Protein backbone atom coordinates (compact mmCIF):
# COMPACT_ATOMS: atom_id res chain seq x y z
CA UNK A 1 82.52 128.14 166.09
CA UNK A 2 79.73 125.43 166.52
CA UNK A 3 80.51 122.93 168.97
CA UNK A 4 79.93 120.12 166.15
CA UNK A 5 82.40 122.05 164.14
CA UNK A 6 85.28 119.83 162.53
CA UNK A 7 88.61 121.17 161.77
CA UNK A 8 90.17 120.61 158.41
CA UNK A 9 92.74 118.34 159.66
CA UNK A 10 90.27 115.93 161.52
CA UNK A 11 87.87 116.10 158.46
CA UNK A 12 90.39 114.83 156.07
CA UNK A 13 91.90 112.45 158.72
CA UNK A 14 88.58 110.86 159.19
CA UNK A 15 88.17 110.66 155.44
CA UNK A 16 91.39 109.01 154.89
CA UNK A 17 90.80 106.56 157.96
CA UNK A 18 87.66 105.38 156.30
CA UNK A 19 89.24 105.01 152.99
CA UNK A 20 86.66 107.41 151.29
CA UNK A 21 87.32 109.17 148.17
CA UNK A 22 85.24 110.58 145.37
CA UNK A 23 86.11 107.33 143.30
CA UNK A 24 85.21 104.93 146.20
CA UNK A 25 82.12 102.98 144.90
CA UNK A 26 80.78 103.20 148.62
CA UNK A 27 81.20 106.73 149.13
CA UNK A 28 78.44 108.97 149.09
CA UNK A 29 77.98 112.39 146.97
CA UNK A 30 75.46 114.88 148.16
CA UNK A 31 73.96 116.58 145.39
CA UNK A 32 71.92 119.31 147.18
CA UNK A 33 73.38 121.58 150.01
CA UNK A 34 73.48 125.36 150.86
CA UNK A 35 75.61 127.74 153.08
CA UNK A 36 74.23 129.47 155.11
CA UNK A 37 70.77 127.51 155.40
CA UNK A 38 68.38 129.27 157.71
CA UNK A 39 71.28 130.35 159.76
CA UNK A 40 73.38 127.13 159.92
CA UNK A 41 77.03 128.50 158.99
CA UNK A 42 79.86 126.79 157.10
CA UNK A 43 81.56 125.07 160.04
CA UNK A 44 78.09 123.40 161.08
CA UNK A 45 77.57 122.29 157.47
CA UNK A 46 81.03 120.76 157.54
CA UNK A 47 80.17 118.82 160.70
CA UNK A 48 76.69 118.04 159.50
CA UNK A 49 78.08 116.39 156.13
CA UNK A 50 80.84 114.43 158.26
CA UNK A 51 78.24 112.96 160.57
CA UNK A 52 76.21 111.80 157.73
CA UNK A 53 79.46 109.94 156.07
CA UNK A 54 79.42 112.31 152.78
CA UNK A 55 82.37 112.38 150.72
CA UNK A 56 81.73 115.05 148.50
CA UNK A 57 79.01 117.72 148.59
CA UNK A 58 77.52 119.91 145.92
CA UNK A 59 76.85 123.47 147.07
CA UNK A 60 73.87 125.30 145.37
CA UNK A 61 74.05 129.10 145.54
CA UNK A 62 71.18 131.43 145.61
CA UNK A 63 70.76 134.16 143.07
CA UNK A 64 70.91 137.88 143.60
CA UNK A 65 67.62 137.99 145.08
CA UNK A 66 65.11 135.76 147.32
CA UNK A 67 68.05 133.63 148.85
CA UNK A 68 65.95 130.52 147.71
CA UNK A 69 63.51 131.00 150.37
CA UNK A 70 66.22 129.29 152.86
CA UNK A 71 68.72 132.25 153.67
CA UNK A 72 71.19 130.74 151.39
CA UNK A 73 74.20 132.47 150.14
CA UNK A 74 75.18 133.48 146.85
CA UNK A 75 77.80 132.43 144.49
CA UNK A 76 80.72 134.13 146.33
CA UNK A 77 79.80 132.20 149.30
CA UNK A 78 79.79 128.65 147.92
CA UNK A 79 83.00 129.38 146.01
CA UNK A 80 84.75 130.32 149.32
CA UNK A 81 83.79 127.20 151.14
CA UNK A 82 84.72 124.89 148.04
CA UNK A 83 88.24 126.66 147.99
CA UNK A 84 88.69 126.00 151.60
CA UNK A 85 87.92 122.19 151.35
CA UNK A 86 88.51 121.23 147.64
CA UNK A 87 88.49 117.72 148.30
CA UNK A 88 85.14 117.50 149.88
CA UNK A 89 82.93 120.63 148.25
CA UNK A 90 82.07 121.52 144.60
CA UNK A 91 79.50 124.22 143.52
CA UNK A 92 77.19 125.22 141.06
CA UNK A 93 76.56 128.85 139.52
CA UNK A 94 73.13 130.46 139.94
CA UNK A 95 71.32 133.69 138.93
CA UNK A 96 67.83 134.79 138.56
CA UNK A 97 67.04 133.86 134.88
CA UNK A 98 64.88 137.03 134.22
CA UNK A 99 67.26 139.95 134.70
CA UNK A 100 69.90 141.70 132.35
CA UNK A 101 72.93 140.16 134.23
CA UNK A 102 71.90 136.45 134.11
CA UNK A 103 74.26 135.35 131.32
CA UNK A 104 77.43 137.37 132.62
CA UNK A 105 77.03 136.21 136.23
CA UNK A 106 76.33 132.51 135.48
CA UNK A 107 79.32 132.40 132.91
CA UNK A 108 81.58 134.09 135.41
CA UNK A 109 81.17 131.47 137.93
CA UNK A 110 81.18 128.49 135.36
CA UNK A 111 84.62 129.89 134.34
CA UNK A 112 85.69 129.83 137.91
CA UNK A 113 84.89 126.12 138.36
CA UNK A 114 81.39 125.76 138.71
CA UNK A 115 80.06 122.24 137.34
CA UNK A 116 76.43 123.04 136.99
CA UNK A 117 73.67 125.61 137.08
CA UNK A 118 71.00 125.78 140.01
CA UNK A 119 69.14 125.54 141.98
CA UNK A 120 66.94 127.46 139.80
CA UNK A 121 64.17 128.25 142.16
CA UNK A 122 62.45 131.54 140.67
CA UNK A 123 58.77 132.49 139.88
CA UNK A 124 59.01 131.85 135.95
CA UNK A 125 57.46 129.40 133.56
CA UNK A 126 59.67 126.43 133.29
CA UNK A 127 59.47 126.78 129.39
CA UNK A 128 59.72 130.56 129.39
CA UNK A 129 62.33 132.33 127.01
CA UNK A 130 64.18 132.96 130.60
CA UNK A 131 64.76 129.29 131.22
CA UNK A 132 65.64 128.85 127.59
CA UNK A 133 68.34 131.27 128.22
CA UNK A 134 69.43 129.19 131.10
CA UNK A 135 69.37 125.95 128.93
CA UNK A 136 71.38 127.73 126.22
CA UNK A 137 74.05 128.57 128.66
CA UNK A 138 74.03 125.14 130.07
CA UNK A 139 74.22 123.84 126.43
CA UNK A 140 77.43 126.05 125.79
CA UNK A 141 79.28 124.84 128.85
CA UNK A 142 77.89 121.25 128.95
CA UNK A 143 76.75 121.40 132.46
CA UNK A 144 73.50 120.34 134.10
CA UNK A 145 70.55 122.73 135.34
CA UNK A 146 68.90 121.81 138.61
CA UNK A 147 65.36 123.09 138.87
CA UNK A 148 62.91 123.34 141.89
CA UNK A 149 59.40 122.68 140.69
CA UNK A 150 56.55 123.91 143.06
CA UNK A 151 52.99 124.38 141.76
CA UNK A 152 52.28 128.11 141.18
CA UNK A 153 55.30 129.18 143.20
CA UNK A 154 58.55 128.27 141.24
CA UNK A 155 58.95 126.96 137.40
CA UNK A 156 55.36 127.17 136.75
CA UNK A 157 53.85 124.80 134.11
CA UNK A 158 55.47 121.62 135.11
CA UNK A 159 53.08 119.81 132.70
CA UNK A 160 54.73 121.50 129.72
CA UNK A 161 58.40 120.76 130.75
CA UNK A 162 58.57 118.08 128.40
CA UNK A 163 58.90 120.67 125.75
CA UNK A 164 62.25 121.77 127.27
CA UNK A 165 63.72 118.41 127.28
CA UNK A 166 62.79 117.93 123.56
CA UNK A 167 64.01 121.40 122.65
CA UNK A 168 67.26 120.85 124.48
CA UNK A 169 68.25 117.10 124.01
CA UNK A 170 71.99 117.79 124.70
CA UNK A 171 71.19 119.68 128.18
CA UNK A 172 70.79 117.42 131.26
CA UNK A 173 68.26 118.67 133.62
CA UNK A 174 67.63 117.61 137.32
CA UNK A 175 64.12 117.59 138.86
CA UNK A 176 63.78 118.59 142.53
CA UNK A 177 60.98 119.70 145.08
CA UNK A 178 57.27 119.22 145.64
CA UNK A 179 55.71 119.26 142.40
CA UNK A 180 58.56 117.11 140.82
CA UNK A 181 58.07 114.38 143.48
CA UNK A 182 54.26 114.68 143.83
CA UNK A 183 53.86 113.79 140.08
CA UNK A 184 55.45 110.34 140.44
CA UNK A 185 51.63 109.40 140.84
CA UNK A 186 49.25 109.36 137.77
CA UNK A 187 46.54 110.59 139.99
CA UNK A 188 48.39 113.53 141.66
CA UNK A 189 46.54 116.91 142.33
CA UNK A 190 48.85 119.59 141.57
CA UNK A 191 47.94 121.99 144.43
CA UNK A 192 48.90 119.21 146.95
CA UNK A 193 52.67 119.60 147.84
CA UNK A 194 52.96 116.41 150.17
CA UNK A 195 50.64 113.94 148.92
CA UNK A 196 50.03 110.73 150.99
CA UNK A 197 48.99 107.27 150.36
CA UNK A 198 49.47 104.55 147.51
CA UNK A 199 51.07 105.73 144.28
CA UNK A 200 49.78 104.79 140.97
CA UNK A 201 52.54 104.72 138.66
CA UNK A 202 52.70 106.72 135.34
CA UNK A 203 52.66 110.32 136.64
CA UNK A 204 54.23 113.10 134.59
CA UNK A 205 57.64 112.59 136.61
CA UNK A 206 57.66 108.76 136.05
CA UNK A 207 57.08 109.34 132.25
CA UNK A 208 59.60 112.09 131.82
CA UNK A 209 62.58 109.89 133.56
CA UNK A 210 61.22 106.96 131.31
CA UNK A 211 60.95 108.64 128.11
CA UNK A 212 63.98 111.51 128.21
CA UNK A 213 67.34 110.46 128.61
CA UNK A 214 68.32 114.02 129.81
CA UNK A 215 66.22 114.21 132.89
CA UNK A 216 67.34 113.09 136.32
CA UNK A 217 65.65 113.09 139.67
CA UNK A 218 67.22 114.78 142.79
CA UNK A 219 66.04 112.72 145.91
CA UNK A 220 66.66 115.46 148.45
CA UNK A 221 64.43 117.26 150.99
CA UNK A 222 61.17 116.34 152.56
CA UNK A 223 59.46 116.00 149.16
CA UNK A 224 61.79 113.29 147.93
CA UNK A 225 61.57 111.31 151.16
CA UNK A 226 57.98 111.66 150.94
CA UNK A 227 57.91 110.26 147.67
CA UNK A 228 59.66 107.07 148.96
CA UNK A 229 58.05 106.73 152.33
CA UNK A 230 54.32 107.18 151.46
CA UNK A 231 54.11 103.78 149.50
CA UNK A 232 57.37 101.77 150.05
CA UNK A 233 56.10 98.98 147.77
CA UNK A 234 55.78 101.55 144.82
CA UNK A 235 59.21 103.10 145.91
CA UNK A 236 61.13 99.63 145.55
CA UNK A 237 59.85 99.41 141.92
CA UNK A 238 60.36 103.06 141.13
CA UNK A 239 64.16 102.80 142.48
CA UNK A 240 64.58 99.76 140.49
CA UNK A 241 63.02 101.09 137.40
CA UNK A 242 64.87 104.32 137.44
CA UNK A 243 68.25 103.43 139.27
CA UNK A 244 70.33 105.16 136.44
CA UNK A 245 68.46 108.36 136.70
CA UNK A 246 67.99 109.12 140.57
CA UNK A 247 70.67 111.14 142.68
CA UNK A 248 71.05 111.16 146.55
CA UNK A 249 70.90 114.64 147.96
CA UNK A 250 70.10 115.88 151.80
CA UNK A 251 68.87 119.56 151.51
CA UNK A 252 68.43 119.60 155.06
CA UNK A 253 69.08 122.47 157.43
CA UNK A 254 69.60 120.73 160.78
CA UNK A 255 72.88 120.87 162.72
CA UNK A 256 73.06 117.12 163.66
CA UNK A 257 73.14 115.14 160.53
CA UNK A 258 71.08 112.45 162.23
CA UNK A 259 67.93 111.96 163.76
CA UNK A 260 64.20 112.98 162.92
CA UNK A 261 65.11 116.33 162.19
CA UNK A 262 67.50 115.47 159.31
CA UNK A 263 65.74 114.64 156.18
CA UNK A 264 69.09 113.74 154.47
CA UNK A 265 70.04 111.02 157.05
CA UNK A 266 66.43 109.76 156.98
CA UNK A 267 66.69 109.62 152.99
CA UNK A 268 69.93 107.66 153.22
CA UNK A 269 68.30 105.33 155.75
CA UNK A 270 65.25 104.79 153.29
CA UNK A 271 67.54 104.31 150.17
CA UNK A 272 69.49 101.59 151.97
CA UNK A 273 66.20 99.95 152.91
CA UNK A 274 64.34 100.19 149.67
CA UNK A 275 67.16 100.07 146.98
CA UNK A 276 66.76 96.95 145.03
CA UNK A 277 70.21 95.52 145.33
CA UNK A 278 73.73 96.81 146.28
CA UNK A 279 74.67 97.73 142.89
CA UNK A 280 71.65 99.89 142.56
CA UNK A 281 72.38 101.75 145.89
CA UNK A 282 75.81 102.59 144.88
CA UNK A 283 74.32 104.24 141.85
CA UNK A 284 71.89 106.19 143.78
CA UNK A 285 74.51 107.44 146.30
CA UNK A 286 77.47 107.94 144.29
CA UNK A 287 77.59 106.51 140.69
CA UNK A 288 75.08 108.50 138.84
CA UNK A 289 76.07 111.79 140.24
CA UNK A 290 79.68 111.20 139.81
CA UNK A 291 79.05 110.40 136.13
CA UNK A 292 76.65 113.22 135.37
CA UNK A 293 78.95 115.84 137.09
CA UNK A 294 82.04 114.26 135.79
CA UNK A 295 83.46 113.93 139.30
CA UNK A 296 86.41 111.63 139.53
C-alpha cells in the first residue's frame, strides 16, 4: 500500500470531522478521475482526493481498448472502487462507440448504477452515427455524456458539434480537453493544443456554452487550467459569464494532491482566485455538478 494511502475509517472520519457531505454547499465534487491512472492505484487515488479536500469523485472508466491513453481501468474497476467507498465515489459507464457491443456494455453498467457515459475519448467524428448511438443511449437513460475533444485525434470535427447539440436537445453533453478549451478563443488555430496569450471572446466553445442549454464545460486537466491562466482577465469574465455551465474536475495522475505536479490542486487555487464571488465558486466546485448528475 502507498505510504500516503488512507484507510476507510480515517477517510470517513476526516470527512465527518470537517462536516463535509455531498449536500454541503462548501464541499467539492471532482467530475473527472481515473483508476488506475498511469500506474497510480486505488489507495493512492483515495489519498490524493483526501489531500485536495474532495468530497465526492466521479470515476471515468476506459472502454475495452485504448485505456484512454492513460492506463485507465475499465468499467469493472471503477465499479469496484465505488462499491468500497460509496459515500465518496460514483462512476460513469463507457465503451468504444463503434463496436457491436457498445450498447449492451454501456446499458449493463448504467443499470448497475452508472450516472453518466464517458469519458468518450475515441477516434471517431463527433457527429458520426457512432456518437449518435451514444447520444441515443444517454437520451433513453437520461444521463450526460462527457467528451474529450482533441484535434485530429479524438472526436473529430469539433466545429460541427453544434449539430449534435441541436439534434439531441434533451441530452446533456460535457466538453473536455485541448480542443474544447482552446476554442474559448475566437482566433484559435485548431492544431494548437495548449495556446498561450490573450483570449478574444467568442470562440466556438464560448458560443456553444452561451447558445445551447445542454452543453457544459469540464474544467479539468492541463487544458482547463491553461484556459484560465493564459489570460486571467478573460478568465474572470468567462467564469462569470458561464458560472452555471462549468464544472470542477481534476484529471491529474500525481500521487500528492498538491504542488506544481497536481493540475487539480492548481485548478482549485485558480478558481478560488478568479471566481467572481463566493456563490459562483460554490456552483463551480459543487452546485453545478450536483445538479447535473442529480447528486444529493
